[in-house]
Amino acid sequence: TEPLAKTEEAVHFAGFMECMRVHCPGFPPKKSCAALHCSVEAASCAVHSKCRHTLECADKCVPEKYTAALAATDLPMPQEAVVKTSMLRQSPALLGATIDDTLACISSCPMDDSTLQPSPLCVLESCTTNLAKCLFSSSCRDGVMCEMKCTEPLAKTEEAVHFAGFMECMRVHCPGFPPKKSCAALHCSVEAASCAVHSKCRHTLECADKCVPEKYTAALAATDLPMPQEAVVKTSMLRQSPALLGATIDDTLACISSCPMDDSTLQPSPLCVLESCTTNLAKCLFSSSCRDGVMCEMKCTEPLAKT
């Protein structure tokens, strides 16, 4: 079954096996039962070569389990199956047409700043139907998964803020799918310039554009436009941010160190940290050296805690 898994034909095999499980329980299942209750599903599998091949392969491994199912695929195709199979043969084209709808829906969700992925809550609340269809379309599924891999290296780095800000601007000011180049140039030129001068942000954009070009073409085009004056000023400030953030490490650690330690966790008192160090802590989160230092320290004390 491995070669069939995660392909568009997998649904036919899974549907057939589910029918056999529900309507023909017991072992081994009876041929008469398969013919009576699962003829439509059997016919659907029979006309898809990968599904049929998987069934024949599995039958050689455990024939008692698959003989009845395989026999059902050799029966004359019932009229209901003729209609259903005709629809199923059209499904790749129909599913392919949902790619734009799926990406448009996902794009309308705000981005999680830490993961650089669309908000899971928003996607689950607003895009479940489109997402379900997308899972059965290899081009749609692969495009979304490819896009996620592109943003992973950038997530939780100092440059992530530039990508997240640019995508949020596109989401708010250029809704619809695909977004228009004119809109990106008009409303998000500052954010585009900010991304363009940070190599990791620009690379992430180029990578994602290869996965789902309809979604990123307008954004990528905006990064090639002349930098507006507002962006020149903002970019100059952003280029100084690593140094400014780095300078806050001592202040952050000094503040945290002033808080009493929790005896059970061996960590600074969360209540104290939140009351006294929120500003420093917020800056620390955007500095990898500060953030990693604090997280590393916490991991060191974990094995000792509660001993």
C-alpha atoms as a PDB file:
ATOM      1  CA  THR A   1       0.000   0.000   0.000  1.00  0.00           C
ATOM      2  CA  GLU A   2       2.973   2.373   0.417  1.00  0.00           C
ATOM      3  CA  PRO A   3       3.276   3.456  -3.264  1.00  0.00           C
ATOM      4  CA  LEU A   4      -0.446   4.302  -3.300  1.00  0.00           C
ATOM      5  CA  ALA A   5      -0.394   6.322  -0.085  1.00  0.00           C
ATOM      6  CA  LYS A   6      -0.681  10.113  -0.453  1.00  0.00           C
ATOM      7  CA  THR A   7      -1.653   9.848  -4.144  1.00  0.00           C
ATOM      8  CA  GLU A   8      -4.971  10.926  -5.659  1.00  0.00           C
ATOM      9  CA  GLU A   9      -5.985   7.276  -6.212  1.00  0.00           C
ATOM     10  CA  ALA A  10      -5.606   6.425  -2.522  1.00  0.00           C
ATOM     11  CA  VAL A  11      -9.179   7.580  -1.886  1.00  0.00           C
ATOM     12  CA  HIS A  12     -10.574   4.774  -4.079  1.00  0.00           C
ATOM     13  CA  PHE A  13      -8.658   2.049  -2.233  1.00  0.00           C
ATOM     14  CA  ALA A  14      -9.496   3.523   1.174  1.00  0.00           C
ATOM     15  CA  GLY A  15     -13.176   3.811   0.263  1.00  0.00           C
ATOM     16  CA  PHE A  16     -13.317   0.212  -0.929  1.00  0.00           C
ATOM     17  CA  MET A  17     -11.602  -1.121   2.210  1.00  0.00           C
ATOM     18  CA  GLU A  18     -13.884   0.939   4.449  1.00  0.00           C
ATOM     19  CA  CYS A  19     -16.938  -0.497   2.687  1.00  0.00           C
ATOM     20  CA  MET A  20     -15.624  -4.028   3.214  1.00  0.00           C
ATOM     21  CA  ARG A  21     -14.913  -3.311   6.874  1.00  0.00           C
ATOM     22  CA  VAL A  22     -18.369  -1.884   7.570  1.00  0.00           C
ATOM     23  CA  HIS A  23     -20.556  -4.176   5.450  1.00  0.00           C
ATOM     24  CA  CYS A  24     -18.558  -7.394   5.372  1.00  0.00           C
ATOM     25  CA  PRO A  25     -17.138  -7.956   8.865  1.00  0.00           C
ATOM     26  CA  GLY A  26     -15.661 -11.272   9.915  1.00  0.00           C
ATOM     27  CA  PHE A  27     -12.697 -13.150   8.501  1.00  0.00           C
ATOM     28  CA  PRO A  28     -12.354 -14.027   5.767  1.00  0.00           C
ATOM     29  CA  PRO A  29     -14.947 -11.704   4.180  1.00  0.00           C
ATOM     30  CA  LYS A  30     -17.398 -13.381   1.811  1.00  0.00           C
ATOM     31  CA  LYS A  31     -17.413 -12.824  -1.943  1.00  0.00           C
ATOM     32  CA  SER A  32     -21.210 -12.646  -1.976  1.00  0.00           C
ATOM     33  CA  CYS A  33     -21.124  -9.825   0.596  1.00  0.00           C
ATOM     34  CA  ALA A  34     -18.540  -7.844  -1.356  1.00  0.00           C
ATOM     35  CA  ALA A  35     -20.578  -8.219  -4.540  1.00  0.00           C
ATOM     36  CA  LEU A  36     -23.815  -7.226  -2.813  1.00  0.00           C
ATOM     37  CA  HIS A  37     -22.667  -4.249  -0.748  1.00  0.00           C
ATOM     38  CA  CYS A  38     -19.429  -2.910  -2.256  1.00  0.00           C
ATOM     39  CA  SER A  39     -19.809  -3.281  -6.026  1.00  0.00           C
ATOM     40  CA  VAL A  40     -19.694   0.483  -6.622  1.00  0.00           C
ATOM     41  CA  GLU A  41     -16.497   0.894  -4.577  1.00  0.00           C
ATOM     42  CA  ALA A  42     -15.003  -2.197  -6.247  1.00  0.00           C
ATOM     43  CA  ALA A  43     -15.709  -0.761  -9.699  1.00  0.00           C
ATOM     44  CA  SER A  44     -14.187   2.572  -8.674  1.00  0.00           C
ATOM     45  CA  CYS A  45     -10.996   0.779  -7.648  1.00  0.00           C
ATOM     46  CA  ALA A  46     -10.954  -1.437 -10.727  1.00  0.00           C
ATOM     47  CA  VAL A  47     -10.813   1.449 -13.198  1.00  0.00           C
ATOM     48  CA  HIS A  48      -7.865   3.074 -11.416  1.00  0.00           C
ATOM     49  CA  SER A  49      -4.745   1.083 -12.229  1.00  0.00           C
ATOM     50  CA  LYS A  50      -2.799   1.935  -9.069  1.00  0.00           C
ATOM     51  CA  CYS A  51      -5.729   0.951  -6.861  1.00  0.00           C
ATOM     52  CA  ARG A  52      -6.215  -2.336  -8.723  1.00  0.00           C
ATOM     53  CA  HIS A  53      -2.470  -3.095  -8.627  1.00  0.00           C
ATOM     54  CA  THR A  54      -2.370  -2.462  -4.865  1.00  0.00           C
ATOM     55  CA  LEU A  55      -5.264  -4.870  -4.366  1.00  0.00           C
ATOM     56  CA  GLU A  56      -3.554  -7.584  -6.439  1.00  0.00           C
ATOM     57  CA  CYS A  57      -0.275  -7.060  -4.599  1.00  0.00           C
ATOM     58  CA  ALA A  58      -1.928  -7.263  -1.163  1.00  0.00           C
ATOM     59  CA  ASP A  59      -3.869 -10.367  -2.200  1.00  0.00           C
ATOM     60  CA  LYS A  60      -0.555 -12.185  -2.750  1.00  0.00           C
ATOM     61  CA  CYS A  61       0.455 -11.325   0.817  1.00  0.00           C
ATOM     62  CA  VAL A  62      -2.763 -12.205   2.688  1.00  0.00           C
ATOM     63  CA  PRO A  63      -5.193 -13.748   0.178  1.00  0.00           C
ATOM     64  CA  GLU A  64      -7.766 -14.604   2.829  1.00  0.00           C
ATOM     65  CA  LYS A  65      -8.243 -10.893   3.452  1.00  0.00           C
ATOM     66  CA  TYR A  66      -8.380  -9.627  -0.132  1.00  0.00           C
ATOM     67  CA  THR A  67      -9.778 -12.495  -2.258  1.00  0.00           C
ATOM     68  CA  ALA A  68     -13.403 -11.372  -1.884  1.00  0.00           C
ATOM     69  CA  ALA A  69     -12.509  -7.766  -2.639  1.00  0.00           C
ATOM     70  CA  LEU A  70     -10.452  -8.690  -5.684  1.00  0.00           C
ATOM     71  CA  ALA A  71     -13.245 -10.909  -6.996  1.00  0.00           C
ATOM     72  CA  ALA A  72     -15.687  -8.021  -6.696  1.00  0.00           C
ATOM     73  CA  THR A  73     -13.540  -5.906  -9.036  1.00  0.00           C
ATOM     74  CA  ASP A  74     -14.052  -8.498 -11.802  1.00  0.00           C
ATOM     75  CA  LEU A  75     -17.850  -8.274 -11.686  1.00  0.00           C
ATOM     76  CA  PRO A  76     -19.835  -6.304 -14.315  1.00  0.00           C
ATOM     77  CA  MET A  77     -19.936  -2.626 -13.379  1.00  0.00           C
ATOM     78  CA  PRO A  78     -23.319  -1.604 -11.897  1.00  0.00           C
ATOM     79  CA  GLN A  79     -25.037   1.464 -13.373  1.00  0.00           C
ATOM     80  CA  GLU A  80     -24.480   3.456 -10.191  1.00  0.00           C
ATOM     81  CA  ALA A  81     -20.765   2.768 -10.495  1.00  0.00           C
ATOM     82  CA  VAL A  82     -20.732   3.926 -14.122  1.00  0.00           C
ATOM     83  CA  VAL A  83     -22.059   7.329 -13.081  1.00  0.00           C
ATOM     84  CA  LYS A  84     -19.798   7.582 -10.024  1.00  0.00           C
ATOM     85  CA  THR A  85     -16.706   6.457 -11.926  1.00  0.00           C
ATOM     86  CA  SER A  86     -17.340   9.074 -14.591  1.00  0.00           C
ATOM     87  CA  MET A  87     -17.376  11.721 -11.875  1.00  0.00           C
ATOM     88  CA  LEU A  88     -14.248  10.305 -10.230  1.00  0.00           C
ATOM     89  CA  ARG A  89     -12.347  10.390 -13.517  1.00  0.00           C
ATOM     90  CA  GLN A  90     -13.077  14.092 -13.700  1.00  0.00           C
ATOM     91  CA  SER A  91     -11.979  14.666 -10.104  1.00  0.00           C
ATOM     92  CA  PRO A  92      -8.341  15.639 -10.796  1.00  0.00           C
ATOM     93  CA  ALA A  93      -9.518  18.547 -12.955  1.00  0.00           C
ATOM     94  CA  LEU A  94     -12.203  19.493 -10.460  1.00  0.00           C
ATOM     95  CA  LEU A  95      -9.779  19.308  -7.563  1.00  0.00           C
ATOM     96  CA  GLY A  96      -7.164  21.216  -9.503  1.00  0.00           C
ATOM     97  CA  ALA A  97      -9.674  24.029  -9.864  1.00  0.00           C
ATOM     98  CA  THR A  98      -9.954  24.251  -6.074  1.00  0.00           C
ATOM     99  CA  ILE A  99      -6.290  25.123  -5.620  1.00  0.00           C
ATOM    100  CA  ASP A 100      -6.961  28.836  -6.105  1.00  0.00           C
ATOM    101  CA  ASP A 101      -9.906  28.719  -3.681  1.00  0.00           C
ATOM    102  CA  THR A 102      -7.831  26.888  -1.070  1.00  0.00           C
ATOM    103  CA  LEU A 103      -4.835  29.209  -1.333  1.00  0.00           C
ATOM    104  CA  ALA A 104      -7.113  32.256  -1.341  1.00  0.00           C
ATOM    105  CA  CYS A 105      -8.774  31.080   1.866  1.00  0.00           C
ATOM    106  CA  ILE A 106      -5.491  30.241   3.590  1.00  0.00           C
ATOM    107  CA  SER A 107      -4.005  33.567   2.468  1.00  0.00           C
ATOM    108  CA  SER A 108      -6.858  35.426   4.130  1.00  0.00           C
ATOM    109  CA  CYS A 109      -5.770  34.094   7.539  1.00  0.00           C
ATOM    110  CA  PRO A 110      -3.305  36.146   9.600  1.00  0.00           C
ATOM    111  CA  MET A 111       0.228  34.785   9.885  1.00  0.00           C
ATOM    112  CA  ASP A 112       1.612  33.450  13.139  1.00  0.00           C
ATOM    113  CA  ASP A 113       4.687  35.602  13.828  1.00  0.00           C
ATOM    114  CA  SER A 114       6.650  32.783  15.447  1.00  0.00           C
ATOM    115  CA  THR A 115       6.026  30.004  12.904  1.00  0.00           C
ATOM    116  CA  LEU A 116       5.374  32.145   9.794  1.00  0.00           C
ATOM    117  CA  GLN A 117       2.449  29.832   9.042  1.00  0.00           C
ATOM    118  CA  PRO A 118      -1.211  30.841   8.683  1.00  0.00           C
ATOM    119  CA  SER A 119      -3.058  30.825  12.003  1.00  0.00           C
ATOM    120  CA  PRO A 120      -4.190  27.181  12.559  1.00  0.00           C
ATOM    121  CA  LEU A 121      -7.338  28.369  14.348  1.00  0.00           C
ATOM    122  CA  CYS A 122      -8.307  30.588  11.416  1.00  0.00           C
ATOM    123  CA  VAL A 123      -7.592  27.859   8.852  1.00  0.00           C
ATOM    124  CA  LEU A 124      -9.623  25.276  10.764  1.00  0.00           C
ATOM    125  CA  GLU A 125     -12.521  27.678  11.299  1.00  0.00           C
ATOM    126  CA  SER A 126     -12.664  29.139   7.797  1.00  0.00           C
ATOM    127  CA  CYS A 127     -11.032  26.748   5.329  1.00  0.00           C
ATOM    128  CA  THR A 128     -11.917  23.192   6.355  1.00  0.00           C
ATOM    129  CA  THR A 129     -13.886  22.407   3.186  1.00  0.00           C
ATOM    130  CA  ASN A 130     -11.239  23.807   0.850  1.00  0.00           C
ATOM    131  CA  LEU A 131      -8.463  22.184   2.848  1.00  0.00           C
ATOM    132  CA  ALA A 132     -10.165  18.788   2.695  1.00  0.00           C
ATOM    133  CA  LYS A 133     -10.364  19.041  -1.095  1.00  0.00           C
ATOM    134  CA  CYS A 134      -6.768  20.207  -1.246  1.00  0.00           C
ATOM    135  CA  LEU A 135      -5.578  17.073   0.565  1.00  0.00           C
ATOM    136  CA  PHE A 136      -6.865  14.958  -2.307  1.00  0.00           C
ATOM    137  CA  SER A 137      -5.118  17.034  -4.973  1.00  0.00           C
ATOM    138  CA  SER A 138      -1.399  16.335  -5.203  1.00  0.00           C
ATOM    139  CA  SER A 139      -0.610  19.685  -6.845  1.00  0.00           C
ATOM    140  CA  CYS A 140      -2.511  21.624  -4.183  1.00  0.00           C
ATOM    141  CA  ARG A 141      -1.195  19.534  -1.290  1.00  0.00           C
ATOM    142  CA  ASP A 142       2.390  19.595  -2.521  1.00  0.00           C
ATOM    143  CA  GLY A 143       2.229  23.356  -3.117  1.00  0.00           C
ATOM    144  CA  VAL A 144       1.074  24.068   0.438  1.00  0.00           C
ATOM    145  CA  MET A 145       3.638  21.690   1.979  1.00  0.00           C
ATOM    146  CA  CYS A 146       6.410  23.162  -0.187  1.00  0.00           C
ATOM    147  CA  GLU A 147       5.464  26.674   0.935  1.00  0.00           C
ATOM    148  CA  MET A 148       5.633  25.640   4.598  1.00  0.00           C
ATOM    149  CA  LYS A 149       9.146  24.223   4.118  1.00  0.00           C
ATOM    150  CA  CYS A 150      10.286  27.527   2.620  1.00  0.00           C
ATOM    151  CA  THR A 151       9.277  29.530   5.691  1.00  0.00           C
ATOM    152  CA  GLU A 152      10.645  27.081   8.304  1.00  0.00           C
ATOM    153  CA  PRO A 153      14.322  28.236   8.144  1.00  0.00           C
ATOM    154  CA  LEU A 154      13.231  31.870   8.599  1.00  0.00           C
ATOM    155  CA  ALA A 155      10.862  31.228  11.509  1.00  0.00           C
ATOM    156  CA  LYS A 156      12.074  32.425  14.924  1.00  0.00           C
ATOM    157  CA  THR A 157      14.977  34.391  13.419  1.00  0.00           C
ATOM    158  CA  GLU A 158      15.468  38.150  13.611  1.00  0.00           C
ATOM    159  CA  GLU A 159      14.522  38.545   9.934  1.00  0.00           C
ATOM    160  CA  ALA A 160      11.160  36.799  10.403  1.00  0.00           C
ATOM    161  CA  VAL A 161       9.560  40.103  11.396  1.00  0.00           C
ATOM    162  CA  HIS A 162      10.191  41.560   7.921  1.00  0.00           C
ATOM    163  CA  PHE A 163       8.559  38.629   6.127  1.00  0.00           C
ATOM    164  CA  ALA A 164       5.611  38.518   8.540  1.00  0.00           C
ATOM    165  CA  GLY A 165       5.072  42.273   8.208  1.00  0.00           C
ATOM    166  CA  PHE A 166       5.135  42.098   4.409  1.00  0.00           C
ATOM    167  CA  MET A 167       2.677  39.180   4.297  1.00  0.00           C
ATOM    168  CA  GLU A 168       0.349  40.900   6.764  1.00  0.00           C
ATOM    169  CA  CYS A 169       0.345  44.018   4.579  1.00  0.00           C
ATOM    170  CA  MET A 170      -0.534  41.912   1.529  1.00  0.00           C
ATOM    171  CA  ARG A 171      -3.292  40.148   3.445  1.00  0.00           C
ATOM    172  CA  VAL A 172      -4.888  43.342   4.731  1.00  0.00           C
ATOM    173  CA  HIS A 173      -4.480  45.637   1.720  1.00  0.00           C
ATOM    174  CA  CYS A 174      -4.495  43.187  -1.206  1.00  0.00           C
ATOM    175  CA  PRO A 175      -7.158  40.558  -0.489  1.00  0.00           C
ATOM    176  CA  GLY A 176      -8.399  38.186  -3.185  1.00  0.00           C
ATOM    177  CA  PHE A 177      -6.489  35.625  -5.163  1.00  0.00           C
ATOM    178  CA  PRO A 178      -4.134  36.045  -6.841  1.00  0.00           C
ATOM    179  CA  PRO A 179      -3.154  39.433  -5.357  1.00  0.00           C
ATOM    180  CA  LYS A 180      -2.467  42.176  -7.889  1.00  0.00           C
ATOM    181  CA  LYS A 181       1.009  43.591  -8.551  1.00  0.00           C
ATOM    182  CA  SER A 182      -0.398  47.124  -8.699  1.00  0.00           C
ATOM    183  CA  CYS A 183      -1.885  46.693  -5.224  1.00  0.00           C
ATOM    184  CA  ALA A 184       1.377  45.390  -3.757  1.00  0.00           C
ATOM    185  CA  ALA A 185       3.287  48.290  -5.301  1.00  0.00           C
ATOM    186  CA  LEU A 186       0.775  50.866  -4.077  1.00  0.00           C
ATOM    187  CA  HIS A 187       0.163  49.676  -0.517  1.00  0.00           C
ATOM    188  CA  CYS A 188       3.129  47.508   0.532  1.00  0.00           C
ATOM    189  CA  SER A 189       6.188  49.101  -1.044  1.00  0.00           C
ATOM    190  CA  VAL A 190       7.755  49.944   2.332  1.00  0.00           C
ATOM    191  CA  GLU A 191       7.304  46.393   3.634  1.00  0.00           C
ATOM    192  CA  ALA A 192       8.550  44.993   0.314  1.00  0.00           C
ATOM    193  CA  ALA A 193      11.707  47.110   0.508  1.00  0.00           C
ATOM    194  CA  SER A 194      12.276  46.008   4.091  1.00  0.00           C
ATOM    195  CA  CYS A 195      12.119  42.361   2.970  1.00  0.00           C
ATOM    196  CA  ALA A 196      14.254  42.977  -0.107  1.00  0.00           C
ATOM    197  CA  VAL A 197      17.277  44.227   1.845  1.00  0.00           C
ATOM    198  CA  HIS A 198      17.254  41.230   4.188  1.00  0.00           C
ATOM    199  CA  SER A 199      18.640  38.243   2.302  1.00  0.00           C
ATOM    200  CA  LYS A 200      16.820  35.531   4.271  1.00  0.00           C
ATOM    201  CA  CYS A 201      13.472  37.265   3.816  1.00  0.00           C
ATOM    202  CA  ARG A 202      14.072  37.711   0.089  1.00  0.00           C
ATOM    203  CA  HIS A 203      15.219  34.075  -0.263  1.00  0.00           C
ATOM    204  CA  THR A 204      12.091  32.815   1.535  1.00  0.00           C
ATOM    205  CA  LEU A 205       9.920  34.835  -0.830  1.00  0.00           C
ATOM    206  CA  GLU A 206      11.697  33.431  -3.905  1.00  0.00           C
ATOM    207  CA  CYS A 207      11.436  29.880  -2.547  1.00  0.00           C
ATOM    208  CA  ALA A 208       7.707  30.200  -1.802  1.00  0.00           C
ATOM    209  CA  ASP A 209       7.093  31.731  -5.219  1.00  0.00           C
ATOM    210  CA  LYS A 210       8.374  28.515  -6.828  1.00  0.00           C
ATOM    211  CA  CYS A 211       5.847  26.519  -4.785  1.00  0.00           C
ATOM    212  CA  VAL A 212       2.729  28.642  -5.291  1.00  0.00           C
ATOM    213  CA  PRO A 213       3.610  31.437  -7.750  1.00  0.00           C
ATOM    214  CA  GLU A 214       0.047  32.711  -7.952  1.00  0.00           C
ATOM    215  CA  LYS A 215       0.279  33.703  -4.292  1.00  0.00           C
ATOM    216  CA  TYR A 216       3.731  35.314  -4.239  1.00  0.00           C
ATOM    217  CA  THR A 217       4.331  36.776  -7.720  1.00  0.00           C
ATOM    218  CA  ALA A 218       2.892  40.183  -6.840  1.00  0.00           C
ATOM    219  CA  ALA A 219       4.857  40.339  -3.581  1.00  0.00           C
ATOM    220  CA  LEU A 220       8.093  39.304  -5.271  1.00  0.00           C
ATOM    221  CA  ALA A 221       7.597  41.877  -8.022  1.00  0.00           C
ATOM    222  CA  ALA A 222       7.155  44.594  -5.381  1.00  0.00           C
ATOM    223  CA  THR A 223      10.615  43.849  -3.958  1.00  0.00           C
ATOM    224  CA  ASP A 224      12.174  44.785  -7.315  1.00  0.00           C
ATOM    225  CA  LEU A 225      10.642  48.268  -7.378  1.00  0.00           C
ATOM    226  CA  PRO A 226      12.714  51.384  -6.512  1.00  0.00           C
ATOM    227  CA  MET A 227      12.816  51.887  -2.748  1.00  0.00           C
ATOM    228  CA  PRO A 228      10.421  54.642  -1.607  1.00  0.00           C
ATOM    229  CA  GLN A 229      11.840  57.375   0.665  1.00  0.00           C
ATOM    230  CA  GLU A 230       9.813  56.137   3.628  1.00  0.00           C
ATOM    231  CA  ALA A 231      11.380  52.708   3.199  1.00  0.00           C
ATOM    232  CA  VAL A 232      14.907  54.191   3.058  1.00  0.00           C
ATOM    233  CA  VAL A 233      14.413  55.701   6.525  1.00  0.00           C
ATOM    234  CA  LYS A 234      12.711  52.633   7.949  1.00  0.00           C
ATOM    235  CA  THR A 235      15.294  50.241   6.473  1.00  0.00           C
ATOM    236  CA  SER A 236      18.117  52.275   7.947  1.00  0.00           C
ATOM    237  CA  MET A 237      16.547  51.843  11.377  1.00  0.00           C
ATOM    238  CA  LEU A 238      15.910  48.140  10.812  1.00  0.00           C
ATOM    239  CA  ARG A 239      19.522  47.558   9.807  1.00  0.00           C
ATOM    240  CA  GLN A 240      20.560  48.905  13.196  1.00  0.00           C
ATOM    241  CA  SER A 241      18.090  46.673  15.065  1.00  0.00           C
ATOM    242  CA  PRO A 242      20.405  43.657  15.652  1.00  0.00           C
ATOM    243  CA  ALA A 243      22.931  45.908  17.405  1.00  0.00           C
ATOM    244  CA  LEU A 244      20.212  47.658  19.382  1.00  0.00           C
ATOM    245  CA  LEU A 245      18.641  44.364  20.386  1.00  0.00           C
ATOM    246  CA  GLY A 246      22.001  42.852  21.225  1.00  0.00           C
ATOM    247  CA  ALA A 247      22.603  45.705  23.636  1.00  0.00           C
ATOM    248  CA  THR A 248      19.490  44.724  25.584  1.00  0.00           C
ATOM    249  CA  ILE A 249      20.800  41.256  26.487  1.00  0.00           C
ATOM    250  CA  ASP A 250      22.597  42.478  29.616  1.00  0.00           C
ATOM    251  CA  ASP A 251      19.567  44.518  30.681  1.00  0.00           C
ATOM    252  CA  THR A 252      17.245  41.533  30.159  1.00  0.00           C
ATOM    253  CA  LEU A 253      19.414  39.087  32.074  1.00  0.00           C
ATOM    254  CA  ALA A 254      19.959  41.615  34.849  1.00  0.00           C
ATOM    255  CA  CYS A 255      16.209  42.066  35.230  1.00  0.00           C
ATOM    256  CA  ILE A 256      15.466  38.344  35.207  1.00  0.00           C
ATOM    257  CA  SER A 257      18.292  37.684  37.672  1.00  0.00           C
ATOM    258  CA  SER A 258      16.746  40.143  40.114  1.00  0.00           C
ATOM    259  CA  CYS A 259      13.653  37.939  40.407  1.00  0.00           C
ATOM    260  CA  PRO A 260      13.498  35.226  43.104  1.00  0.00           C
ATOM    261  CA  MET A 261      13.863  31.617  41.961  1.00  0.00           C
ATOM    262  CA  ASP A 262      10.947  29.178  42.102  1.00  0.00           C
ATOM    263  CA  ASP A 263      12.093  26.308  44.351  1.00  0.00           C
ATOM    264  CA  SER A 264      10.221  23.638  42.405  1.00  0.00           C
ATOM    265  CA  THR A 265      11.176  24.625  38.848  1.00  0.00           C
ATOM    266  CA  LEU A 266      14.504  26.378  39.536  1.00  0.00           C
ATOM    267  CA  GLN A 267      13.320  29.109  37.160  1.00  0.00           C
ATOM    268  CA  PRO A 268      12.848  32.797  37.944  1.00  0.00           C
ATOM    269  CA  SER A 269       9.398  33.543  39.337  1.00  0.00           C
ATOM    270  CA  PRO A 270       7.076  33.956  36.308  1.00  0.00           C
ATOM    271  CA  LEU A 271       4.981  36.508  38.214  1.00  0.00           C
ATOM    272  CA  CYS A 272       8.041  38.650  38.925  1.00  0.00           C
ATOM    273  CA  VAL A 273       9.354  38.395  35.366  1.00  0.00           C
ATOM    274  CA  LEU A 274       6.001  39.375  33.862  1.00  0.00           C
ATOM    275  CA  GLU A 275       5.558  42.276  36.285  1.00  0.00           C
ATOM    276  CA  SER A 276       9.080  43.673  36.084  1.00  0.00           C
ATOM    277  CA  CYS A 277      10.721  42.569  32.839  1.00  0.00           C
ATOM    278  CA  THR A 278       8.063  42.591  30.118  1.00  0.00           C
ATOM    279  CA  THR A 279       9.731  45.284  28.005  1.00  0.00           C
ATOM    280  CA  ASN A 280      13.184  43.701  28.184  1.00  0.00           C
ATOM    281  CA  LEU A 281      11.732  40.250  27.598  1.00  0.00           C
ATOM    282  CA  ALA A 282       9.850  41.397  24.509  1.00  0.00           C
ATOM    283  CA  LYS A 283      13.072  42.805  23.039  1.00  0.00           C
ATOM    284  CA  CYS A 284      14.906  39.617  23.993  1.00  0.00           C
ATOM    285  CA  LEU A 285      12.479  37.497  21.977  1.00  0.00           C
ATOM    286  CA  PHE A 286      13.613  39.271  18.797  1.00  0.00           C
ATOM    287  CA  SER A 287      17.307  38.703  19.517  1.00  0.00           C
ATOM    288  CA  SER A 288      18.447  35.162  18.791  1.00  0.00           C
ATOM    289  CA  SER A 289      21.501  35.366  21.051  1.00  0.00           C
ATOM    290  CA  CYS A 290      19.439  36.664  23.975  1.00  0.00           C
ATOM    291  CA  ARG A 291      16.535  34.290  23.388  1.00  0.00           C
ATOM    292  CA  ASP A 292      18.778  31.259  22.894  1.00  0.00           C
ATOM    293  CA  GLY A 293      20.819  32.126  25.985  1.00  0.00           C
ATOM    294  CA  VAL A 294      17.749  32.283  28.200  1.00  0.00           C
ATOM    295  CA  MET A 295      16.282  29.062  26.756  1.00  0.00           C
ATOM    296  CA  CYS A 296      19.642  27.282  27.113  1.00  0.00           C
ATOM    297  CA  GLU A 297      19.850  28.335  30.774  1.00  0.00           C
ATOM    298  CA  MET A 298      16.349  26.988  31.439  1.00  0.00           C
ATOM    299  CA  LYS A 299      17.225  23.623  29.884  1.00  0.00           C
ATOM    300  CA  CYS A 300      20.294  23.371  32.119  1.00  0.00           C
ATOM    301  CA  THR A 301      18.211  23.584  35.300  1.00  0.00           C
ATOM    302  CA  GLU A 302      15.407  21.244  34.175  1.00  0.00           C
ATOM    303  CA  PRO A 303      17.152  17.924  35.054  1.00  0.00           C
ATOM    304  CA  LEU A 304      17.860  19.206  38.584  1.00  0.00           C
ATOM    305  CA  ALA A 305      14.366  20.509  39.244  1.00  0.00           C
ATOM    306  CA  LYS A 306      12.196  18.472  41.607  1.00  0.00           C
ATOM    307  CA  THR A 307      15.157  16.282  42.698  1.00  0.00           C
END
